[in-house]
Amino acid sequence: MIEGIKNLMTAVVTALGLLLLALGSGKPGREIEGPMPIVILGGPVTSTALNLLLLPALALRYGKFEPPSQVE
């Protein structure tokens, strides 16, 4: 659980840092490095969305979950 929260915090901080670069990408002189943060932002956003939304939905749909066995 803690490891998942650390990964999510890392993705959020990375996205916030790159967001400032992405917002200033339309200014003159930034034509070369302007699109770079937008592309890099796609990685953490996509992987976070897949890990939090798509993978659990696929696991519930196609996973074979059995109730825990009673050991006596």
PDB file of N, CA and C in Angstrom:
ATOM      1  N   MET A   1       0.825  -1.202   0.000  1.00  0.00           N
ATOM      2  CA  MET A   1       0.000   0.000   0.000  1.00  0.00           C
ATOM      3  C   MET A   1       0.863   1.256   0.000  1.00  0.00           C
ATOM      4  N   ILE A   2       1.854   1.293   0.888  1.00  0.00           N
ATOM      5  CA  ILE A   2       2.723   2.459   0.983  1.00  0.00           C
ATOM      6  C   ILE A   2       3.512   2.644  -0.314  1.00  0.00           C
ATOM      7  N   GLU A   3       3.950   1.534  -0.919  1.00  0.00           N
ATOM      8  CA  GLU A   3       4.709   1.615  -2.166  1.00  0.00           C
ATOM      9  C   GLU A   3       3.869   2.240  -3.278  1.00  0.00           C
ATOM     10  N   GLY A   4       2.591   1.913  -3.337  1.00  0.00           N
ATOM     11  CA  GLY A   4       1.703   2.493  -4.344  1.00  0.00           C
ATOM     12  C   GLY A   4       1.516   3.987  -4.142  1.00  0.00           C
ATOM     13  N   ILE A   5       1.433   4.413  -2.886  1.00  0.00           N
ATOM     14  CA  ILE A   5       1.280   5.837  -2.596  1.00  0.00           C
ATOM     15  C   ILE A   5       2.553   6.587  -2.983  1.00  0.00           C
ATOM     16  N   LYS A   6       3.713   5.979  -2.731  1.00  0.00           N
ATOM     17  CA  LYS A   6       4.979   6.614  -3.122  1.00  0.00           C
ATOM     18  C   LYS A   6       5.059   6.774  -4.634  1.00  0.00           C
ATOM     19  N   ASN A   7       4.645   5.758  -5.373  1.00  0.00           N
ATOM     20  CA  ASN A   7       4.664   5.847  -6.832  1.00  0.00           C
ATOM     21  C   ASN A   7       3.708   6.920  -7.338  1.00  0.00           C
ATOM     22  N   LEU A   8       2.538   7.007  -6.732  1.00  0.00           N
ATOM     23  CA  LEU A   8       1.566   8.020  -7.135  1.00  0.00           C
ATOM     24  C   LEU A   8       2.080   9.420  -6.827  1.00  0.00           C
ATOM     25  N   MET A   9       2.705   9.597  -5.665  1.00  0.00           N
ATOM     26  CA  MET A   9       3.257  10.898  -5.306  1.00  0.00           C
ATOM     27  C   MET A   9       4.376  11.294  -6.266  1.00  0.00           C
ATOM     28  N   THR A  10       5.201  10.337  -6.668  1.00  0.00           N
ATOM     29  CA  THR A  10       6.274  10.620  -7.612  1.00  0.00           C
ATOM     30  C   THR A  10       5.711  11.067  -8.950  1.00  0.00           C
ATOM     31  N   ALA A  11       4.684  10.388  -9.426  1.00  0.00           N
ATOM     32  CA  ALA A  11       4.067  10.755 -10.702  1.00  0.00           C
ATOM     33  C   ALA A  11       3.432  12.138 -10.633  1.00  0.00           C
ATOM     34  N   VAL A  12       2.776  12.459  -9.525  1.00  0.00           N
ATOM     35  CA  VAL A  12       2.112  13.755  -9.391  1.00  0.00           C
ATOM     36  C   VAL A  12       3.140  14.886  -9.342  1.00  0.00           C
ATOM     37  N   VAL A  13       4.215  14.701  -8.582  1.00  0.00           N
ATOM     38  CA  VAL A  13       5.234  15.750  -8.480  1.00  0.00           C
ATOM     39  C   VAL A  13       5.935  15.948  -9.821  1.00  0.00           C
ATOM     40  N   THR A  14       6.213  14.862 -10.530  1.00  0.00           N
ATOM     41  CA  THR A  14       6.821  14.968 -11.857  1.00  0.00           C
ATOM     42  C   THR A  14       5.893  15.727 -12.805  1.00  0.00           C
ATOM     43  N   ALA A  15       4.620  15.387 -12.778  1.00  0.00           N
ATOM     44  CA  ALA A  15       3.655  16.055 -13.654  1.00  0.00           C
ATOM     45  C   ALA A  15       3.533  17.536 -13.323  1.00  0.00           C
ATOM     46  N   LEU A  16       3.532  17.880 -12.048  1.00  0.00           N
ATOM     47  CA  LEU A  16       3.429  19.299 -11.676  1.00  0.00           C
ATOM     48  C   LEU A  16       4.670  20.077 -12.101  1.00  0.00           C
ATOM     49  N   GLY A  17       5.837  19.469 -11.978  1.00  0.00           N
ATOM     50  CA  GLY A  17       7.058  20.136 -12.407  1.00  0.00           C
ATOM     51  C   GLY A  17       7.097  20.353 -13.910  1.00  0.00           C
ATOM     52  N   LEU A  18       6.668  19.360 -14.662  1.00  0.00           N
ATOM     53  CA  LEU A  18       6.669  19.484 -16.121  1.00  0.00           C
ATOM     54  C   LEU A  18       5.518  20.340 -16.624  1.00  0.00           C
ATOM     55  N   LEU A  19       4.485  20.497 -15.828  1.00  0.00           N
ATOM     56  CA  LEU A  19       3.345  21.309 -16.233  1.00  0.00           C
ATOM     57  C   LEU A  19       3.759  22.772 -16.441  1.00  0.00           C
ATOM     58  N   LEU A  20       4.660  23.250 -15.588  1.00  0.00           N
ATOM     59  CA  LEU A  20       5.134  24.626 -15.746  1.00  0.00           C
ATOM     60  C   LEU A  20       5.881  24.800 -17.062  1.00  0.00           C
ATOM     61  N   LEU A  21       6.687  23.811 -17.423  1.00  0.00           N
ATOM     62  CA  LEU A  21       7.383  23.875 -18.709  1.00  0.00           C
ATOM     63  C   LEU A  21       6.405  23.784 -19.875  1.00  0.00           C
ATOM     64  N   ALA A  22       5.396  22.932 -19.732  1.00  0.00           N
ATOM     65  CA  ALA A  22       4.437  22.741 -20.813  1.00  0.00           C
ATOM     66  C   ALA A  22       3.583  23.996 -21.029  1.00  0.00           C
ATOM     67  N   LEU A  23       3.250  24.687 -19.961  1.00  0.00           N
ATOM     68  CA  LEU A  23       2.423  25.893 -20.098  1.00  0.00           C
ATOM     69  C   LEU A  23       3.183  27.030 -20.769  1.00  0.00           C
ATOM     70  N   GLY A  24       4.494  27.060 -20.605  1.00  0.00           N
ATOM     71  CA  GLY A  24       5.279  28.127 -21.220  1.00  0.00           C
ATOM     72  C   GLY A  24       5.837  27.748 -22.573  1.00  0.00           C
ATOM     73  N   SER A  25       5.321  26.702 -23.186  1.00  0.00           N
ATOM     74  CA  SER A  25       5.912  26.216 -24.430  1.00  0.00           C
ATOM     75  C   SER A  25       5.541  27.051 -25.645  1.00  0.00           C
ATOM     76  N   GLY A  26       4.558  27.934 -25.558  1.00  0.00           N
ATOM     77  CA  GLY A  26       4.150  28.708 -26.715  1.00  0.00           C
ATOM     78  C   GLY A  26       4.891  30.020 -26.871  1.00  0.00           C
ATOM     79  N   LYS A  27       5.803  30.309 -25.975  1.00  0.00           N
ATOM     80  CA  LYS A  27       6.514  31.576 -26.015  1.00  0.00           C
ATOM     81  C   LYS A  27       7.612  31.555 -27.072  1.00  0.00           C
ATOM     82  N   PRO A  28       7.966  32.705 -27.603  1.00  0.00           N
ATOM     83  CA  PRO A  28       9.040  32.769 -28.597  1.00  0.00           C
ATOM     84  C   PRO A  28      10.371  32.281 -28.013  1.00  0.00           C
ATOM     85  N   GLY A  29      11.115  31.535 -28.824  1.00  0.00           N
ATOM     86  CA  GLY A  29      12.390  30.985 -28.393  1.00  0.00           C
ATOM     87  C   GLY A  29      12.280  29.624 -27.760  1.00  0.00           C
ATOM     88  N   ARG A  30      11.077  29.112 -27.567  1.00  0.00           N
ATOM     89  CA  ARG A  30      10.864  27.815 -26.925  1.00  0.00           C
ATOM     90  C   ARG A  30      10.335  26.781 -27.916  1.00  0.00           C
ATOM     91  N   GLU A  31      10.543  27.012 -29.204  1.00  0.00           N
ATOM     92  CA  GLU A  31       9.979  26.128 -30.223  1.00  0.00           C
ATOM     93  C   GLU A  31      10.583  24.730 -30.165  1.00  0.00           C
ATOM     94  N   ILE A  32      11.855  24.637 -29.803  1.00  0.00           N
ATOM     95  CA  ILE A  32      12.533  23.334 -29.789  1.00  0.00           C
ATOM     96  C   ILE A  32      12.192  22.550 -28.535  1.00  0.00           C
ATOM     97  N   GLU A  33      12.337  23.184 -27.366  1.00  0.00           N
ATOM     98  CA  GLU A  33      12.116  22.443 -26.122  1.00  0.00           C
ATOM     99  C   GLU A  33      10.681  22.526 -25.627  1.00  0.00           C
ATOM    100  N   GLY A  34       9.836  23.271 -26.297  1.00  0.00           N
ATOM    101  CA  GLY A  34       8.446  23.422 -25.869  1.00  0.00           C
ATOM    102  C   GLY A  34       7.637  22.138 -25.882  1.00  0.00           C
ATOM    103  N   PRO A  35       7.659  21.357 -26.967  1.00  0.00           N
ATOM    104  CA  PRO A  35       6.853  20.133 -27.002  1.00  0.00           C
ATOM    105  C   PRO A  35       7.377  19.005 -26.116  1.00  0.00           C
ATOM    106  N   MET A  36       8.646  19.085 -25.705  1.00  0.00           N
ATOM    107  CA  MET A  36       9.239  18.007 -24.912  1.00  0.00           C
ATOM    108  C   MET A  36       8.491  17.739 -23.598  1.00  0.00           C
ATOM    109  N   PRO A  37       8.182  18.748 -22.769  1.00  0.00           N
ATOM    110  CA  PRO A  37       7.474  18.433 -21.524  1.00  0.00           C
ATOM    111  C   PRO A  37       6.071  17.886 -21.758  1.00  0.00           C
ATOM    112  N   ILE A  38       5.452  18.256 -22.862  1.00  0.00           N
ATOM    113  CA  ILE A  38       4.119  17.721 -23.156  1.00  0.00           C
ATOM    114  C   ILE A  38       4.198  16.222 -23.408  1.00  0.00           C
ATOM    115  N   VAL A  39       5.222  15.809 -24.152  1.00  0.00           N
ATOM    116  CA  VAL A  39       5.400  14.385 -24.431  1.00  0.00           C
ATOM    117  C   VAL A  39       5.784  13.635 -23.163  1.00  0.00           C
ATOM    118  N   ILE A  40       6.690  14.219 -22.374  1.00  0.00           N
ATOM    119  CA  ILE A  40       7.125  13.559 -21.141  1.00  0.00           C
ATOM    120  C   ILE A  40       5.975  13.475 -20.145  1.00  0.00           C
ATOM    121  N   LEU A  41       5.101  14.473 -20.118  1.00  0.00           N
ATOM    122  CA  LEU A  41       3.933  14.441 -19.227  1.00  0.00           C
ATOM    123  C   LEU A  41       3.001  13.282 -19.564  1.00  0.00           C
ATOM    124  N   GLY A  42       2.958  12.900 -20.827  1.00  0.00           N
ATOM    125  CA  GLY A  42       2.081  11.803 -21.227  1.00  0.00           C
ATOM    126  C   GLY A  42       2.441  10.481 -20.570  1.00  0.00           C
ATOM    127  N   GLY A  43       3.711  10.260 -20.278  1.00  0.00           N
ATOM    128  CA  GLY A  43       4.138   9.004 -19.662  1.00  0.00           C
ATOM    129  C   GLY A  43       3.558   8.776 -18.279  1.00  0.00           C
ATOM    130  N   PRO A  44       3.835   9.668 -17.317  1.00  0.00           N
ATOM    131  CA  PRO A  44       3.270   9.473 -15.975  1.00  0.00           C
ATOM    132  C   PRO A  44       1.746   9.525 -15.945  1.00  0.00           C
ATOM    133  N   VAL A  45       1.160  10.397 -16.766  1.00  0.00           N
ATOM    134  CA  VAL A  45      -0.307  10.485 -16.777  1.00  0.00           C
ATOM    135  C   VAL A  45      -0.916   9.187 -17.297  1.00  0.00           C
ATOM    136  N   THR A  46      -0.369   8.679 -18.393  1.00  0.00           N
ATOM    137  CA  THR A  46      -0.888   7.442 -18.965  1.00  0.00           C
ATOM    138  C   THR A  46      -0.662   6.248 -18.044  1.00  0.00           C
ATOM    139  N   SER A  47       0.535   6.126 -17.495  1.00  0.00           N
ATOM    140  CA  SER A  47       0.810   4.973 -16.639  1.00  0.00           C
ATOM    141  C   SER A  47      -0.002   5.017 -15.351  1.00  0.00           C
ATOM    142  N   THR A  48      -0.198   6.211 -14.795  1.00  0.00           N
ATOM    143  CA  THR A  48      -1.024   6.321 -13.587  1.00  0.00           C
ATOM    144  C   THR A  48      -2.472   5.961 -13.882  1.00  0.00           C
ATOM    145  N   ALA A  49      -2.991   6.444 -14.993  1.00  0.00           N
ATOM    146  CA  ALA A  49      -4.370   6.117 -15.358  1.00  0.00           C
ATOM    147  C   ALA A  49      -4.535   4.617 -15.608  1.00  0.00           C
ATOM    148  N   LEU A  50      -3.571   4.016 -16.284  1.00  0.00           N
ATOM    149  CA  LEU A  50      -3.663   2.578 -16.534  1.00  0.00           C
ATOM    150  C   LEU A  50      -3.594   1.781 -15.242  1.00  0.00           C
ATOM    151  N   ASN A  51      -2.698   2.161 -14.352  1.00  0.00           N
ATOM    152  CA  ASN A  51      -2.539   1.416 -13.105  1.00  0.00           C
ATOM    153  C   ASN A  51      -3.710   1.600 -12.151  1.00  0.00           C
ATOM    154  N   LEU A  52      -4.321   2.752 -12.152  1.00  0.00           N
ATOM    155  CA  LEU A  52      -5.410   3.000 -11.206  1.00  0.00           C
ATOM    156  C   LEU A  52      -6.787   2.634 -11.747  1.00  0.00           C
ATOM    157  N   LEU A  53      -6.967   2.676 -13.061  1.00  0.00           N
ATOM    158  CA  LEU A  53      -8.299   2.463 -13.620  1.00  0.00           C
ATOM    159  C   LEU A  53      -8.411   1.185 -14.451  1.00  0.00           C
ATOM    160  N   LEU A  54      -7.556   1.047 -15.442  1.00  0.00           N
ATOM    161  CA  LEU A  54      -7.714  -0.045 -16.396  1.00  0.00           C
ATOM    162  C   LEU A  54      -7.311  -1.403 -15.822  1.00  0.00           C
ATOM    163  N   LEU A  55      -6.164  -1.490 -15.184  1.00  0.00           N
ATOM    164  CA  LEU A  55      -5.707  -2.786 -14.678  1.00  0.00           C
ATOM    165  C   LEU A  55      -6.630  -3.380 -13.615  1.00  0.00           C
ATOM    166  N   PRO A  56      -7.114  -2.603 -12.633  1.00  0.00           N
ATOM    167  CA  PRO A  56      -8.079  -3.198 -11.695  1.00  0.00           C
ATOM    168  C   PRO A  56      -9.378  -3.650 -12.373  1.00  0.00           C
ATOM    169  N   ALA A  57      -9.830  -2.887 -13.369  1.00  0.00           N
ATOM    170  CA  ALA A  57     -11.049  -3.285 -14.076  1.00  0.00           C
ATOM    171  C   ALA A  57     -10.834  -4.590 -14.844  1.00  0.00           C
ATOM    172  N   LEU A  58      -9.673  -4.725 -15.484  1.00  0.00           N
ATOM    173  CA  LEU A  58      -9.369  -5.979 -16.183  1.00  0.00           C
ATOM    174  C   LEU A  58      -9.211  -7.139 -15.220  1.00  0.00           C
ATOM    175  N   ALA A  59      -8.612  -6.884 -14.065  1.00  0.00           N
ATOM    176  CA  ALA A  59      -8.445  -7.949 -13.077  1.00  0.00           C
ATOM    177  C   ALA A  59      -9.795  -8.418 -12.558  1.00  0.00           C
ATOM    178  N   LEU A  60     -10.709  -7.489 -12.317  1.00  0.00           N
ATOM    179  CA  LEU A  60     -12.043  -7.890 -11.850  1.00  0.00           C
ATOM    180  C   LEU A  60     -12.814  -8.624 -12.936  1.00  0.00           C
ATOM    181  N   ARG A  61     -12.609  -8.220 -14.171  1.00  0.00           N
ATOM    182  CA  ARG A  61     -13.362  -8.832 -15.268  1.00  0.00           C
ATOM    183  C   ARG A  61     -12.840 -10.217 -15.622  1.00  0.00           C
ATOM    184  N   TYR A  62     -11.527 -10.358 -15.740  1.00  0.00           N
ATOM    185  CA  TYR A  62     -10.952 -11.603 -16.242  1.00  0.00           C
ATOM    186  C   TYR A  62     -10.225 -12.422 -15.178  1.00  0.00           C
ATOM    187  N   GLY A  63     -10.045 -11.875 -13.986  1.00  0.00           N
ATOM    188  CA  GLY A  63      -9.338 -12.607 -12.938  1.00  0.00           C
ATOM    189  C   GLY A  63     -10.204 -13.690 -12.329  1.00  0.00           C
ATOM    190  N   LYS A  64      -9.563 -14.723 -11.865  1.00  0.00           N
ATOM    191  CA  LYS A  64     -10.262 -15.809 -11.186  1.00  0.00           C
ATOM    192  C   LYS A  64      -9.954 -15.697  -9.687  1.00  0.00           C
ATOM    193  N   PHE A  65     -10.881 -15.118  -8.977  1.00  0.00           N
ATOM    194  CA  PHE A  65     -10.704 -14.927  -7.542  1.00  0.00           C
ATOM    195  C   PHE A  65     -11.524 -15.980  -6.797  1.00  0.00           C
ATOM    196  N   GLU A  66     -10.874 -16.636  -5.865  1.00  0.00           N
ATOM    197  CA  GLU A  66     -11.554 -17.643  -5.046  1.00  0.00           C
ATOM    198  C   GLU A  66     -11.564 -17.173  -3.612  1.00  0.00           C
ATOM    199  N   PRO A  67     -12.620 -17.524  -2.887  1.00  0.00           N
ATOM    200  CA  PRO A  67     -12.642 -17.142  -1.482  1.00  0.00           C
ATOM    201  C   PRO A  67     -11.533 -17.879  -0.722  1.00  0.00           C
ATOM    202  N   PRO A  68     -11.005 -17.275   0.320  1.00  0.00           N
ATOM    203  CA  PRO A  68      -9.949 -17.948   1.083  1.00  0.00           C
ATOM    204  C   PRO A  68     -10.474 -19.231   1.717  1.00  0.00           C
ATOM    205  N   SER A  69      -9.642 -20.244   1.693  1.00  0.00           N
ATOM    206  CA  SER A  69     -10.065 -21.540   2.257  1.00  0.00           C
ATOM    207  C   SER A  69      -9.981 -21.500   3.773  1.00  0.00           C
ATOM    208  N   GLN A  70     -10.889 -22.198   4.393  1.00  0.00           N
ATOM    209  CA  GLN A  70     -10.931 -22.283   5.857  1.00  0.00           C
ATOM    210  C   GLN A  70     -10.019 -23.407   6.315  1.00  0.00           C
ATOM    211  N   VAL A  71      -8.994 -23.090   7.067  1.00  0.00           N
ATOM    212  CA  VAL A  71      -8.070 -24.095   7.584  1.00  0.00           C
ATOM    213  C   VAL A  71      -8.422 -24.343   9.044  1.00  0.00           C
ATOM    214  N   GLU A  72      -8.713 -25.617   9.359  1.00  0.00           N
ATOM    215  CA  GLU A  72      -9.070 -25.938  10.743  1.00  0.00           C
ATOM    216  C   GLU A  72      -8.193 -27.016  11.270  1.00  0.00           C
TER     217      GLU A  72
END
